[in-house]
Amino acid sequence: MAQTHPTPADVAAAARRLGRPVQDAQALALADYLGQLVKWNAKMNLVGPSDWSTVFETLVVDSLYLADFLEGLNLGVAPLCLDLGAGAGLPGIPLRLLWQRGDYWLVESRDKRATFMRSAVGRLGLPATHVFHGRAEEALDKLDRHGHHATADLIVSRAFMPWPELLPFVRPMLHPGGALVILANTPPPPEPELPAGWSLADVASYPAAGKTRFFWSLRAA
């Protein structure tokens, strides 16, 4: 039977095999998150029938490399970040264990997934990390900074919707000059195919589950 609850040493070894080592405290927190995810998943099918190592190698791997990618973007000291369709907290919760700049909102409309994320965020004590249970287009109505409705400095999307639909959908939510980061299985389209008002800022590739995945960073004019 596959081991369901990893130890910190298990997680640290898995991260080294993926080429992105983690610190001891990060391995401890990731092991806790994975153990909780597998436990809840057995009752409510959050991520499919997977053991912790499969989840780590196919889903958490994105977060490890995304933390490094975001460090290379000019997001300011305290960006407002939206993670659309956050599901069971992937990539957002493992990401926040590694990258803790600004306020990060995990946006999810499905009740069971939002409930799990609230439990995990509270258990892990993640700073400035919040769960919004509702539709993505309603999120900013609830995030009022400095007396006016905020727009996000960063929006993260992993399989939320196809990119041709995503760009016009998120444009009203994104601060001028803000960044949209898409996690994808393919490289981005040629820049001339992007809608007016968008530019391709940066692209990175990384290994995951024996394949190559990509981060696209797009800027709104």
N, C-alpha and C. Protein backbone atom coordinates (compact mmCIF):
# COMPACT_ATOMS: atom_id res chain seq x y z
N MET A 1 0.85 -1.19 0.00
CA MET A 1 0.00 0.00 0.00
C MET A 1 0.89 1.25 0.00
N ALA A 2 0.53 2.23 -0.79
CA ALA A 2 1.33 3.44 -0.87
C ALA A 2 1.23 4.21 0.44
N GLN A 3 2.34 4.82 0.84
CA GLN A 3 2.37 5.64 2.04
C GLN A 3 1.50 6.88 1.81
N THR A 4 0.60 7.16 2.75
CA THR A 4 -0.34 8.27 2.56
C THR A 4 0.14 9.57 3.19
N HIS A 5 0.86 9.48 4.30
CA HIS A 5 1.30 10.67 5.01
C HIS A 5 2.83 10.74 4.97
N PRO A 6 3.39 11.66 4.19
CA PRO A 6 4.84 11.72 4.07
C PRO A 6 5.49 12.34 5.30
N THR A 7 6.72 12.01 5.53
CA THR A 7 7.52 12.69 6.53
C THR A 7 8.21 13.88 5.87
N PRO A 8 8.69 14.83 6.67
CA PRO A 8 9.47 15.93 6.08
C PRO A 8 10.68 15.43 5.29
N ALA A 9 11.29 14.36 5.76
CA ALA A 9 12.43 13.81 5.03
C ALA A 9 12.01 13.27 3.66
N ASP A 10 10.82 12.65 3.61
CA ASP A 10 10.29 12.18 2.33
C ASP A 10 10.13 13.33 1.35
N VAL A 11 9.53 14.42 1.84
CA VAL A 11 9.27 15.57 0.98
C VAL A 11 10.58 16.22 0.54
N ALA A 12 11.52 16.35 1.46
CA ALA A 12 12.81 16.95 1.11
C ALA A 12 13.51 16.13 0.03
N ALA A 13 13.46 14.80 0.16
CA ALA A 13 14.09 13.94 -0.84
C ALA A 13 13.39 14.06 -2.19
N ALA A 14 12.06 14.13 -2.19
CA ALA A 14 11.30 14.27 -3.44
C ALA A 14 11.62 15.59 -4.12
N ALA A 15 11.75 16.65 -3.33
CA ALA A 15 12.08 17.96 -3.90
C ALA A 15 13.48 17.96 -4.51
N ARG A 16 14.40 17.30 -3.86
CA ARG A 16 15.76 17.20 -4.42
C ARG A 16 15.74 16.45 -5.74
N ARG A 17 14.95 15.39 -5.82
CA ARG A 17 14.87 14.62 -7.07
C ARG A 17 14.30 15.47 -8.21
N LEU A 18 13.43 16.41 -7.88
CA LEU A 18 12.86 17.30 -8.89
C LEU A 18 13.77 18.47 -9.24
N GLY A 19 14.87 18.58 -8.51
CA GLY A 19 15.83 19.65 -8.82
C GLY A 19 15.50 20.97 -8.18
N ARG A 20 14.61 20.97 -7.17
CA ARG A 20 14.25 22.22 -6.50
C ARG A 20 14.21 21.94 -4.99
N PRO A 21 15.38 21.90 -4.33
CA PRO A 21 15.42 21.60 -2.90
C PRO A 21 14.64 22.62 -2.08
N VAL A 22 14.14 22.18 -0.92
CA VAL A 22 13.42 23.05 0.00
C VAL A 22 14.11 23.05 1.36
N GLN A 23 13.86 24.09 2.14
CA GLN A 23 14.41 24.19 3.48
C GLN A 23 13.67 23.24 4.42
N ASP A 24 14.27 22.98 5.58
CA ASP A 24 13.68 22.03 6.53
C ASP A 24 12.28 22.45 6.95
N ALA A 25 12.10 23.74 7.26
CA ALA A 25 10.78 24.22 7.70
C ALA A 25 9.76 24.10 6.58
N GLN A 26 10.20 24.32 5.35
CA GLN A 26 9.30 24.18 4.21
C GLN A 26 8.92 22.72 4.00
N ALA A 27 9.87 21.81 4.14
CA ALA A 27 9.58 20.38 4.00
C ALA A 27 8.59 19.93 5.06
N LEU A 28 8.72 20.45 6.28
CA LEU A 28 7.81 20.11 7.35
C LEU A 28 6.39 20.55 7.02
N ALA A 29 6.25 21.79 6.55
CA ALA A 29 4.92 22.33 6.22
C ALA A 29 4.32 21.63 5.01
N LEU A 30 5.14 21.35 4.00
CA LEU A 30 4.65 20.65 2.81
C LEU A 30 4.17 19.24 3.17
N ALA A 31 4.89 18.57 4.06
CA ALA A 31 4.48 17.24 4.49
C ALA A 31 3.13 17.31 5.20
N ASP A 32 2.94 18.33 6.04
CA ASP A 32 1.66 18.51 6.73
C ASP A 32 0.54 18.74 5.72
N TYR A 33 0.77 19.65 4.76
CA TYR A 33 -0.25 19.93 3.75
C TYR A 33 -0.60 18.68 2.94
N LEU A 34 0.40 17.95 2.49
CA LEU A 34 0.15 16.75 1.69
C LEU A 34 -0.59 15.69 2.50
N GLY A 35 -0.23 15.54 3.77
CA GLY A 35 -0.93 14.58 4.60
C GLY A 35 -2.41 14.93 4.75
N GLN A 36 -2.69 16.22 4.96
CA GLN A 36 -4.08 16.66 5.08
C GLN A 36 -4.83 16.50 3.76
N LEU A 37 -4.16 16.84 2.67
CA LEU A 37 -4.80 16.73 1.36
C LEU A 37 -5.18 15.29 1.04
N VAL A 38 -4.29 14.36 1.29
CA VAL A 38 -4.58 12.96 1.02
C VAL A 38 -5.71 12.46 1.93
N LYS A 39 -5.71 12.91 3.18
CA LYS A 39 -6.76 12.50 4.13
C LYS A 39 -8.13 13.00 3.68
N TRP A 40 -8.23 14.29 3.34
CA TRP A 40 -9.50 14.86 2.89
C TRP A 40 -9.90 14.28 1.53
N ASN A 41 -8.89 14.05 0.69
CA ASN A 41 -9.16 13.56 -0.66
C ASN A 41 -9.85 12.20 -0.65
N ALA A 42 -9.54 11.40 0.34
CA ALA A 42 -10.16 10.08 0.44
C ALA A 42 -11.66 10.17 0.69
N LYS A 43 -12.12 11.31 1.24
CA LYS A 43 -13.53 11.46 1.57
C LYS A 43 -14.29 12.28 0.55
N MET A 44 -13.61 13.24 -0.11
CA MET A 44 -14.35 14.15 -0.99
C MET A 44 -13.72 14.35 -2.36
N ASN A 45 -12.70 13.58 -2.72
CA ASN A 45 -12.12 13.60 -4.07
C ASN A 45 -11.76 15.01 -4.53
N LEU A 46 -10.77 15.59 -3.86
CA LEU A 46 -10.33 16.95 -4.18
C LEU A 46 -9.44 16.99 -5.41
N VAL A 47 -8.57 15.99 -5.56
CA VAL A 47 -7.59 16.01 -6.65
C VAL A 47 -7.51 14.69 -7.41
N GLY A 48 -8.47 13.82 -7.25
CA GLY A 48 -8.39 12.51 -7.89
C GLY A 48 -7.75 11.50 -6.95
N PRO A 49 -7.80 10.23 -7.30
CA PRO A 49 -7.29 9.17 -6.43
C PRO A 49 -5.76 9.06 -6.49
N SER A 50 -5.08 9.92 -5.74
CA SER A 50 -3.62 9.96 -5.81
C SER A 50 -3.00 9.83 -4.43
N ASP A 51 -1.87 9.16 -4.36
CA ASP A 51 -1.07 9.15 -3.15
C ASP A 51 -0.24 10.43 -3.10
N TRP A 52 0.39 10.70 -1.97
CA TRP A 52 1.06 11.99 -1.78
C TRP A 52 2.19 12.19 -2.79
N SER A 53 2.92 11.14 -3.13
CA SER A 53 4.06 11.31 -4.03
C SER A 53 3.59 11.67 -5.44
N THR A 54 2.45 11.12 -5.87
CA THR A 54 1.90 11.48 -7.17
C THR A 54 1.45 12.93 -7.17
N VAL A 55 0.77 13.34 -6.10
CA VAL A 55 0.36 14.74 -5.98
C VAL A 55 1.58 15.66 -6.01
N PHE A 56 2.61 15.28 -5.30
CA PHE A 56 3.82 16.11 -5.25
C PHE A 56 4.46 16.24 -6.62
N GLU A 57 4.61 15.12 -7.31
CA GLU A 57 5.34 15.11 -8.58
C GLU A 57 4.54 15.70 -9.74
N THR A 58 3.20 15.69 -9.63
CA THR A 58 2.38 16.19 -10.74
C THR A 58 1.76 17.55 -10.48
N LEU A 59 1.59 17.94 -9.20
CA LEU A 59 0.89 19.18 -8.88
C LEU A 59 1.73 20.15 -8.05
N VAL A 60 2.32 19.67 -6.97
CA VAL A 60 3.12 20.55 -6.12
C VAL A 60 4.36 21.04 -6.84
N VAL A 61 4.87 20.26 -7.77
CA VAL A 61 6.06 20.67 -8.53
C VAL A 61 5.87 22.04 -9.16
N ASP A 62 4.66 22.35 -9.63
CA ASP A 62 4.40 23.67 -10.22
C ASP A 62 4.73 24.79 -9.24
N SER A 63 4.31 24.60 -7.99
CA SER A 63 4.51 25.64 -6.97
C SER A 63 5.98 25.89 -6.69
N LEU A 64 6.77 24.82 -6.69
CA LEU A 64 8.19 24.98 -6.38
C LEU A 64 8.88 25.90 -7.39
N TYR A 65 8.60 25.67 -8.66
CA TYR A 65 9.22 26.50 -9.69
C TYR A 65 8.53 27.85 -9.83
N LEU A 66 7.24 27.92 -9.52
CA LEU A 66 6.53 29.18 -9.62
C LEU A 66 7.07 30.19 -8.61
N ALA A 67 7.47 29.74 -7.44
CA ALA A 67 8.05 30.66 -6.45
C ALA A 67 9.27 31.37 -7.02
N ASP A 68 10.12 30.64 -7.70
CA ASP A 68 11.31 31.25 -8.31
C ASP A 68 10.92 32.18 -9.46
N PHE A 69 9.93 31.78 -10.24
CA PHE A 69 9.50 32.60 -11.39
C PHE A 69 8.94 33.94 -10.92
N LEU A 70 8.13 33.93 -9.87
CA LEU A 70 7.53 35.17 -9.38
C LEU A 70 8.60 36.12 -8.83
N GLU A 71 9.66 35.58 -8.27
CA GLU A 71 10.73 36.44 -7.76
C GLU A 71 11.36 37.25 -8.88
N GLY A 72 11.29 36.75 -10.10
CA GLY A 72 11.88 37.46 -11.23
C GLY A 72 10.97 38.50 -11.85
N LEU A 73 9.72 38.61 -11.37
CA LEU A 73 8.79 39.59 -11.90
C LEU A 73 8.80 40.84 -11.03
N ASN A 74 8.53 41.96 -11.64
CA ASN A 74 8.50 43.23 -10.92
C ASN A 74 7.09 43.43 -10.36
N LEU A 75 6.84 42.88 -9.19
CA LEU A 75 5.51 42.90 -8.60
C LEU A 75 5.38 43.89 -7.45
N GLY A 76 6.45 44.56 -7.10
CA GLY A 76 6.40 45.47 -5.97
C GLY A 76 6.60 44.75 -4.65
N VAL A 77 6.58 45.54 -3.58
CA VAL A 77 6.88 45.00 -2.25
C VAL A 77 5.71 44.19 -1.70
N ALA A 78 4.49 44.69 -1.90
CA ALA A 78 3.32 44.04 -1.31
C ALA A 78 2.20 43.91 -2.33
N PRO A 79 2.36 43.05 -3.32
CA PRO A 79 1.34 42.92 -4.36
C PRO A 79 0.06 42.27 -3.85
N LEU A 80 -1.06 42.65 -4.45
CA LEU A 80 -2.33 41.96 -4.22
C LEU A 80 -2.44 40.87 -5.27
N CYS A 81 -2.58 39.62 -4.84
CA CYS A 81 -2.53 38.47 -5.74
C CYS A 81 -3.85 37.70 -5.68
N LEU A 82 -4.35 37.31 -6.84
CA LEU A 82 -5.53 36.46 -6.94
C LEU A 82 -5.15 35.15 -7.61
N ASP A 83 -5.54 34.05 -7.01
CA ASP A 83 -5.32 32.71 -7.57
C ASP A 83 -6.70 32.18 -7.95
N LEU A 84 -7.00 32.19 -9.25
CA LEU A 84 -8.35 31.89 -9.73
C LEU A 84 -8.55 30.38 -9.89
N GLY A 85 -9.69 29.89 -9.39
CA GLY A 85 -9.96 28.46 -9.47
C GLY A 85 -8.95 27.67 -8.68
N ALA A 86 -8.74 28.07 -7.42
CA ALA A 86 -7.63 27.53 -6.62
C ALA A 86 -7.81 26.08 -6.22
N GLY A 87 -9.03 25.54 -6.36
CA GLY A 87 -9.24 24.11 -6.11
C GLY A 87 -8.89 23.69 -4.70
N ALA A 88 -7.97 22.76 -4.57
CA ALA A 88 -7.52 22.29 -3.27
C ALA A 88 -6.29 23.04 -2.79
N GLY A 89 -6.06 24.23 -3.37
CA GLY A 89 -4.92 25.04 -2.96
C GLY A 89 -3.68 24.84 -3.79
N LEU A 90 -3.86 24.41 -5.02
CA LEU A 90 -2.73 24.18 -5.92
C LEU A 90 -2.87 25.09 -7.14
N PRO A 91 -1.90 25.94 -7.38
CA PRO A 91 -0.56 25.98 -6.78
C PRO A 91 -0.43 26.81 -5.51
N GLY A 92 -1.51 27.49 -5.06
CA GLY A 92 -1.36 28.57 -4.10
C GLY A 92 -0.81 28.21 -2.75
N ILE A 93 -1.29 27.14 -2.11
CA ILE A 93 -0.85 26.86 -0.74
C ILE A 93 0.62 26.44 -0.69
N PRO A 94 1.08 25.48 -1.50
CA PRO A 94 2.52 25.21 -1.48
C PRO A 94 3.34 26.44 -1.89
N LEU A 95 2.82 27.22 -2.83
CA LEU A 95 3.52 28.44 -3.23
C LEU A 95 3.73 29.37 -2.05
N ARG A 96 2.70 29.55 -1.20
CA ARG A 96 2.80 30.47 -0.08
C ARG A 96 3.72 29.95 1.02
N LEU A 97 4.02 28.68 1.00
CA LEU A 97 5.03 28.17 1.92
C LEU A 97 6.43 28.58 1.50
N LEU A 98 6.59 28.96 0.23
CA LEU A 98 7.89 29.32 -0.32
C LEU A 98 8.00 30.81 -0.66
N TRP A 99 6.89 31.42 -1.03
CA TRP A 99 6.86 32.82 -1.51
C TRP A 99 5.72 33.53 -0.81
N GLN A 100 6.06 34.52 0.03
CA GLN A 100 5.05 35.10 0.92
C GLN A 100 4.94 36.61 0.76
N ARG A 101 5.18 37.10 -0.45
CA ARG A 101 5.07 38.53 -0.66
C ARG A 101 3.61 38.95 -0.83
N GLY A 102 3.21 40.05 -0.20
CA GLY A 102 1.89 40.63 -0.41
C GLY A 102 0.75 39.80 0.14
N ASP A 103 -0.47 40.18 -0.26
CA ASP A 103 -1.70 39.48 0.13
C ASP A 103 -2.10 38.54 -1.00
N TYR A 104 -2.37 37.30 -0.63
CA TYR A 104 -2.67 36.26 -1.62
C TYR A 104 -4.05 35.70 -1.33
N TRP A 105 -4.95 35.79 -2.33
CA TRP A 105 -6.32 35.31 -2.20
C TRP A 105 -6.54 34.09 -3.08
N LEU A 106 -6.93 32.99 -2.44
CA LEU A 106 -7.28 31.75 -3.12
C LEU A 106 -8.77 31.83 -3.44
N VAL A 107 -9.11 31.90 -4.72
CA VAL A 107 -10.49 32.13 -5.15
C VAL A 107 -11.07 30.82 -5.67
N GLU A 108 -12.16 30.37 -5.04
CA GLU A 108 -12.74 29.08 -5.39
C GLU A 108 -14.25 29.10 -5.15
N SER A 109 -15.01 28.66 -6.14
CA SER A 109 -16.48 28.68 -6.02
C SER A 109 -17.05 27.41 -5.41
N ARG A 110 -16.29 26.32 -5.42
CA ARG A 110 -16.81 25.05 -4.94
C ARG A 110 -16.64 24.93 -3.42
N ASP A 111 -17.71 24.55 -2.75
CA ASP A 111 -17.76 24.62 -1.29
C ASP A 111 -16.74 23.71 -0.62
N LYS A 112 -16.66 22.45 -1.05
CA LYS A 112 -15.77 21.51 -0.36
C LYS A 112 -14.32 21.91 -0.49
N ARG A 113 -13.94 22.40 -1.65
CA ARG A 113 -12.55 22.82 -1.85
C ARG A 113 -12.22 24.07 -1.04
N ALA A 114 -13.16 25.00 -1.00
CA ALA A 114 -12.94 26.20 -0.19
C ALA A 114 -12.81 25.84 1.29
N THR A 115 -13.64 24.91 1.75
CA THR A 115 -13.58 24.46 3.15
C THR A 115 -12.23 23.84 3.45
N PHE A 116 -11.75 22.98 2.55
CA PHE A 116 -10.44 22.37 2.76
C PHE A 116 -9.34 23.43 2.81
N MET A 117 -9.38 24.39 1.89
CA MET A 117 -8.32 25.42 1.87
C MET A 117 -8.33 26.24 3.15
N ARG A 118 -9.49 26.60 3.65
CA ARG A 118 -9.54 27.35 4.91
C ARG A 118 -8.89 26.55 6.04
N SER A 119 -9.20 25.26 6.07
CA SER A 119 -8.60 24.40 7.10
C SER A 119 -7.08 24.35 6.95
N ALA A 120 -6.60 24.16 5.72
CA ALA A 120 -5.16 24.04 5.49
C ALA A 120 -4.43 25.35 5.78
N VAL A 121 -4.99 26.47 5.33
CA VAL A 121 -4.35 27.77 5.57
C VAL A 121 -4.26 28.05 7.06
N GLY A 122 -5.34 27.76 7.80
CA GLY A 122 -5.31 27.96 9.23
C GLY A 122 -4.34 27.04 9.94
N ARG A 123 -4.33 25.79 9.54
CA ARG A 123 -3.44 24.81 10.16
C ARG A 123 -1.97 25.17 9.95
N LEU A 124 -1.65 25.65 8.75
CA LEU A 124 -0.27 25.97 8.42
C LEU A 124 0.15 27.36 8.89
N GLY A 125 -0.82 28.19 9.27
CA GLY A 125 -0.51 29.53 9.71
C GLY A 125 0.10 30.39 8.63
N LEU A 126 -0.41 30.26 7.41
CA LEU A 126 0.18 31.01 6.29
C LEU A 126 -0.12 32.49 6.43
N PRO A 127 0.90 33.34 6.38
CA PRO A 127 0.67 34.77 6.54
C PRO A 127 0.03 35.39 5.31
N ALA A 128 -0.89 36.35 5.53
CA ALA A 128 -1.51 37.14 4.46
C ALA A 128 -2.03 36.26 3.33
N THR A 129 -2.58 35.11 3.69
CA THR A 129 -3.14 34.17 2.72
C THR A 129 -4.60 33.92 3.11
N HIS A 130 -5.51 34.12 2.16
CA HIS A 130 -6.93 34.12 2.45
C HIS A 130 -7.68 33.27 1.42
N VAL A 131 -8.86 32.84 1.79
CA VAL A 131 -9.73 32.07 0.90
C VAL A 131 -10.98 32.89 0.61
N PHE A 132 -11.27 33.09 -0.67
CA PHE A 132 -12.54 33.70 -1.07
C PHE A 132 -13.41 32.61 -1.68
N HIS A 133 -14.53 32.34 -1.03
CA HIS A 133 -15.47 31.32 -1.52
C HIS A 133 -16.54 32.02 -2.34
N GLY A 134 -16.44 31.92 -3.64
CA GLY A 134 -17.39 32.56 -4.53
C GLY A 134 -16.86 32.60 -5.95
N ARG A 135 -17.62 33.24 -6.82
CA ARG A 135 -17.25 33.34 -8.22
C ARG A 135 -16.09 34.33 -8.38
N ALA A 136 -15.23 34.05 -9.33
CA ALA A 136 -14.04 34.88 -9.52
C ALA A 136 -14.40 36.33 -9.79
N GLU A 137 -15.44 36.57 -10.59
CA GLU A 137 -15.78 37.93 -10.95
C GLU A 137 -16.35 38.72 -9.77
N GLU A 138 -16.65 38.04 -8.66
CA GLU A 138 -17.17 38.71 -7.47
C GLU A 138 -16.07 39.01 -6.46
N ALA A 139 -14.87 38.48 -6.69
CA ALA A 139 -13.83 38.55 -5.66
C ALA A 139 -13.42 39.97 -5.32
N LEU A 140 -13.20 40.80 -6.34
CA LEU A 140 -12.69 42.14 -6.06
C LEU A 140 -13.71 43.02 -5.37
N ASP A 141 -14.99 42.69 -5.49
CA ASP A 141 -15.99 43.46 -4.75
C ASP A 141 -15.80 43.30 -3.24
N LYS A 142 -15.14 42.20 -2.84
CA LYS A 142 -14.93 41.93 -1.43
C LYS A 142 -13.56 42.42 -0.95
N LEU A 143 -12.70 42.81 -1.86
CA LEU A 143 -11.33 43.18 -1.49
C LEU A 143 -11.18 44.69 -1.66
N ASP A 144 -11.51 45.41 -0.64
CA ASP A 144 -11.54 46.87 -0.70
C ASP A 144 -10.32 47.40 0.05
N ARG A 145 -9.39 47.99 -0.69
CA ARG A 145 -8.19 48.53 -0.08
C ARG A 145 -8.22 50.05 -0.15
N HIS A 146 -7.89 50.69 0.95
CA HIS A 146 -7.71 52.14 0.99
C HIS A 146 -8.95 52.89 0.49
N GLY A 147 -10.12 52.37 0.78
CA GLY A 147 -11.33 53.09 0.48
C GLY A 147 -11.85 52.98 -0.94
N HIS A 148 -11.24 52.13 -1.76
CA HIS A 148 -11.76 51.95 -3.12
C HIS A 148 -11.55 50.51 -3.54
N HIS A 149 -12.30 50.09 -4.53
CA HIS A 149 -12.18 48.71 -5.00
C HIS A 149 -10.80 48.50 -5.62
N ALA A 150 -10.14 47.48 -5.15
CA ALA A 150 -8.78 47.21 -5.59
C ALA A 150 -8.77 46.47 -6.92
N THR A 151 -7.66 46.58 -7.61
CA THR A 151 -7.37 45.69 -8.72
C THR A 151 -6.09 44.95 -8.37
N ALA A 152 -5.94 43.77 -8.92
CA ALA A 152 -4.84 42.90 -8.54
C ALA A 152 -3.55 43.29 -9.25
N ASP A 153 -2.44 43.09 -8.56
CA ASP A 153 -1.12 43.26 -9.16
C ASP A 153 -0.67 41.98 -9.85
N LEU A 154 -1.18 40.85 -9.37
CA LEU A 154 -0.84 39.54 -9.94
C LEU A 154 -2.08 38.67 -9.95
N ILE A 155 -2.34 38.02 -11.07
CA ILE A 155 -3.37 36.99 -11.15
C ILE A 155 -2.70 35.70 -11.63
N VAL A 156 -2.96 34.62 -10.93
CA VAL A 156 -2.41 33.30 -11.26
C VAL A 156 -3.55 32.42 -11.75
N SER A 157 -3.33 31.72 -12.86
CA SER A 157 -4.35 30.83 -13.40
C SER A 157 -3.73 29.51 -13.79
N ARG A 158 -4.27 28.44 -13.24
CA ARG A 158 -3.87 27.09 -13.64
C ARG A 158 -5.14 26.35 -14.04
N ALA A 159 -5.37 26.23 -15.33
CA ALA A 159 -6.52 25.50 -15.86
C ALA A 159 -7.85 26.11 -15.44
N PHE A 160 -7.88 27.43 -15.22
CA PHE A 160 -9.13 28.09 -14.84
C PHE A 160 -10.06 28.21 -16.05
N MET A 161 -9.53 28.66 -17.18
CA MET A 161 -10.26 28.68 -18.44
C MET A 161 -9.24 28.85 -19.55
N PRO A 162 -9.60 28.52 -20.82
CA PRO A 162 -8.65 28.68 -21.93
C PRO A 162 -8.18 30.13 -22.05
N TRP A 163 -6.91 30.30 -22.42
CA TRP A 163 -6.34 31.66 -22.38
C TRP A 163 -7.06 32.66 -23.28
N PRO A 164 -7.60 32.29 -24.46
CA PRO A 164 -8.29 33.32 -25.24
C PRO A 164 -9.51 33.90 -24.51
N GLU A 165 -10.13 33.08 -23.65
CA GLU A 165 -11.25 33.57 -22.84
C GLU A 165 -10.77 34.23 -21.55
N LEU A 166 -9.65 33.76 -21.04
CA LEU A 166 -9.13 34.25 -19.76
C LEU A 166 -8.70 35.72 -19.85
N LEU A 167 -8.04 36.09 -20.93
CA LEU A 167 -7.49 37.45 -21.01
C LEU A 167 -8.55 38.53 -20.90
N PRO A 168 -9.63 38.49 -21.68
CA PRO A 168 -10.66 39.51 -21.49
C PRO A 168 -11.39 39.38 -20.15
N PHE A 169 -11.47 38.16 -19.61
CA PHE A 169 -12.16 37.94 -18.34
C PHE A 169 -11.42 38.64 -17.19
N VAL A 170 -10.08 38.51 -17.17
CA VAL A 170 -9.33 39.06 -16.03
C VAL A 170 -8.95 40.52 -16.21
N ARG A 171 -9.07 41.04 -17.43
CA ARG A 171 -8.58 42.40 -17.66
C ARG A 171 -9.16 43.42 -16.69
N PRO A 172 -10.47 43.41 -16.39
CA PRO A 172 -10.99 44.40 -15.44
C PRO A 172 -10.49 44.20 -14.01
N MET A 173 -9.97 43.01 -13.71
CA MET A 173 -9.50 42.72 -12.35
C MET A 173 -8.04 43.10 -12.14
N LEU A 174 -7.32 43.37 -13.23
CA LEU A 174 -5.87 43.52 -13.16
C LEU A 174 -5.47 44.98 -13.22
N HIS A 175 -4.59 45.37 -12.32
CA HIS A 175 -4.07 46.73 -12.29
C HIS A 175 -3.28 47.01 -13.57
N PRO A 176 -3.38 48.23 -14.13
CA PRO A 176 -2.56 48.56 -15.30
C PRO A 176 -1.07 48.28 -15.02
N GLY A 177 -0.47 47.51 -15.89
CA GLY A 177 0.91 47.08 -15.67
C GLY A 177 1.03 45.82 -14.83
N GLY A 178 -0.12 45.32 -14.35
CA GLY A 178 -0.09 44.11 -13.55
C GLY A 178 0.23 42.88 -14.39
N ALA A 179 0.53 41.78 -13.70
CA ALA A 179 0.97 40.55 -14.37
C ALA A 179 -0.07 39.46 -14.25
N LEU A 180 -0.32 38.79 -15.35
CA LEU A 180 -1.11 37.56 -15.38
C LEU A 180 -0.14 36.42 -15.64
N VAL A 181 -0.10 35.44 -14.74
CA VAL A 181 0.78 34.28 -14.91
C VAL A 181 -0.09 33.06 -15.15
N ILE A 182 0.11 32.43 -16.30
CA ILE A 182 -0.63 31.24 -16.69
C ILE A 182 0.29 30.03 -16.58
N LEU A 183 -0.18 28.98 -15.92
CA LEU A 183 0.53 27.71 -15.87
C LEU A 183 -0.02 26.85 -16.99
N ALA A 184 0.84 26.40 -17.90
CA ALA A 184 0.37 25.75 -19.12
C ALA A 184 1.24 24.55 -19.47
N ASN A 185 0.67 23.68 -20.29
CA ASN A 185 1.41 22.52 -20.79
C ASN A 185 2.06 22.79 -22.13
N THR A 186 1.85 23.98 -22.69
CA THR A 186 2.40 24.34 -23.99
C THR A 186 3.05 25.72 -23.91
N PRO A 187 3.96 26.03 -24.81
CA PRO A 187 4.52 27.38 -24.84
C PRO A 187 3.46 28.38 -25.27
N PRO A 188 3.67 29.66 -25.00
CA PRO A 188 2.66 30.67 -25.35
C PRO A 188 2.55 30.86 -26.85
N PRO A 189 1.44 31.45 -27.30
CA PRO A 189 1.28 31.74 -28.73
C PRO A 189 2.21 32.87 -29.14
N PRO A 190 2.49 33.03 -30.42
CA PRO A 190 3.27 34.19 -30.87
C PRO A 190 2.59 35.48 -30.40
N GLU A 191 3.38 36.46 -30.02
CA GLU A 191 2.82 37.69 -29.46
C GLU A 191 1.83 38.38 -30.39
N PRO A 192 2.00 38.36 -31.71
CA PRO A 192 0.99 39.00 -32.57
C PRO A 192 -0.41 38.42 -32.43
N GLU A 193 -0.53 37.19 -31.91
CA GLU A 193 -1.84 36.59 -31.73
C GLU A 193 -2.54 37.05 -30.45
N LEU A 194 -1.81 37.74 -29.57
CA LEU A 194 -2.42 38.22 -28.33
C LEU A 194 -3.36 39.38 -28.63
N PRO A 195 -4.43 39.52 -27.85
CA PRO A 195 -5.33 40.66 -28.05
C PRO A 195 -4.62 41.98 -27.80
N ALA A 196 -5.15 43.03 -28.37
CA ALA A 196 -4.59 44.36 -28.15
C ALA A 196 -4.61 44.69 -26.66
N GLY A 197 -3.56 45.34 -26.20
CA GLY A 197 -3.48 45.70 -24.80
C GLY A 197 -2.75 44.70 -23.94
N TRP A 198 -2.26 43.62 -24.54
CA TRP A 198 -1.51 42.61 -23.81
C TRP A 198 -0.13 42.42 -24.44
N SER A 199 0.86 42.18 -23.60
CA SER A 199 2.20 41.86 -24.10
C SER A 199 2.75 40.69 -23.31
N LEU A 200 3.55 39.89 -23.99
CA LEU A 200 4.19 38.74 -23.36
C LEU A 200 5.46 39.22 -22.68
N ALA A 201 5.50 39.13 -21.34
CA ALA A 201 6.62 39.68 -20.59
C ALA A 201 7.73 38.66 -20.35
N ASP A 202 7.38 37.44 -20.02
CA ASP A 202 8.41 36.45 -19.71
C ASP A 202 7.81 35.06 -19.87
N VAL A 203 8.67 34.10 -20.17
CA VAL A 203 8.27 32.70 -20.31
C VAL A 203 9.36 31.85 -19.66
N ALA A 204 8.94 30.81 -18.95
CA ALA A 204 9.90 29.87 -18.38
C ALA A 204 9.35 28.46 -18.52
N SER A 205 10.24 27.51 -18.69
CA SER A 205 9.85 26.10 -18.75
C SER A 205 10.49 25.35 -17.59
N TYR A 206 9.88 24.23 -17.24
CA TYR A 206 10.40 23.44 -16.13
C TYR A 206 9.93 22.00 -16.29
N PRO A 207 10.66 21.04 -15.71
CA PRO A 207 10.26 19.63 -15.84
C PRO A 207 9.20 19.25 -14.82
N ALA A 208 8.21 18.47 -15.27
CA ALA A 208 7.16 18.02 -14.37
C ALA A 208 6.56 16.72 -14.89
N ALA A 209 6.60 15.70 -14.07
CA ALA A 209 6.01 14.40 -14.41
C ALA A 209 6.52 13.88 -15.75
N GLY A 210 7.81 14.05 -16.00
CA GLY A 210 8.42 13.54 -17.21
C GLY A 210 8.16 14.37 -18.45
N LYS A 211 7.52 15.52 -18.31
CA LYS A 211 7.22 16.39 -19.44
C LYS A 211 7.72 17.79 -19.15
N THR A 212 7.50 18.69 -20.08
CA THR A 212 7.87 20.09 -19.90
C THR A 212 6.62 20.93 -19.75
N ARG A 213 6.60 21.76 -18.73
CA ARG A 213 5.50 22.71 -18.53
C ARG A 213 6.04 24.13 -18.62
N PHE A 214 5.11 25.08 -18.67
CA PHE A 214 5.50 26.46 -18.93
C PHE A 214 4.77 27.44 -18.02
N PHE A 215 5.44 28.52 -17.70
CA PHE A 215 4.83 29.71 -17.13
C PHE A 215 4.82 30.79 -18.19
N TRP A 216 3.67 31.40 -18.40
CA TRP A 216 3.58 32.59 -19.24
C TRP A 216 3.31 33.79 -18.34
N SER A 217 4.05 34.83 -18.48
CA SER A 217 3.77 36.08 -17.80
C SER A 217 3.34 37.11 -18.83
N LEU A 218 2.12 37.60 -18.70
CA LEU A 218 1.59 38.60 -19.62
C LEU A 218 1.29 39.88 -18.86
N ARG A 219 1.53 41.01 -19.50
CA ARG A 219 1.28 42.31 -18.88
C ARG A 219 0.13 43.01 -19.57
N ALA A 220 -0.70 43.63 -18.74
CA ALA A 220 -1.81 44.43 -19.26
C ALA A 220 -1.36 45.87 -19.43
N ALA A 221 -1.61 46.44 -20.59
CA ALA A 221 -1.19 47.82 -20.86
C ALA A 221 -1.98 48.77 -19.98
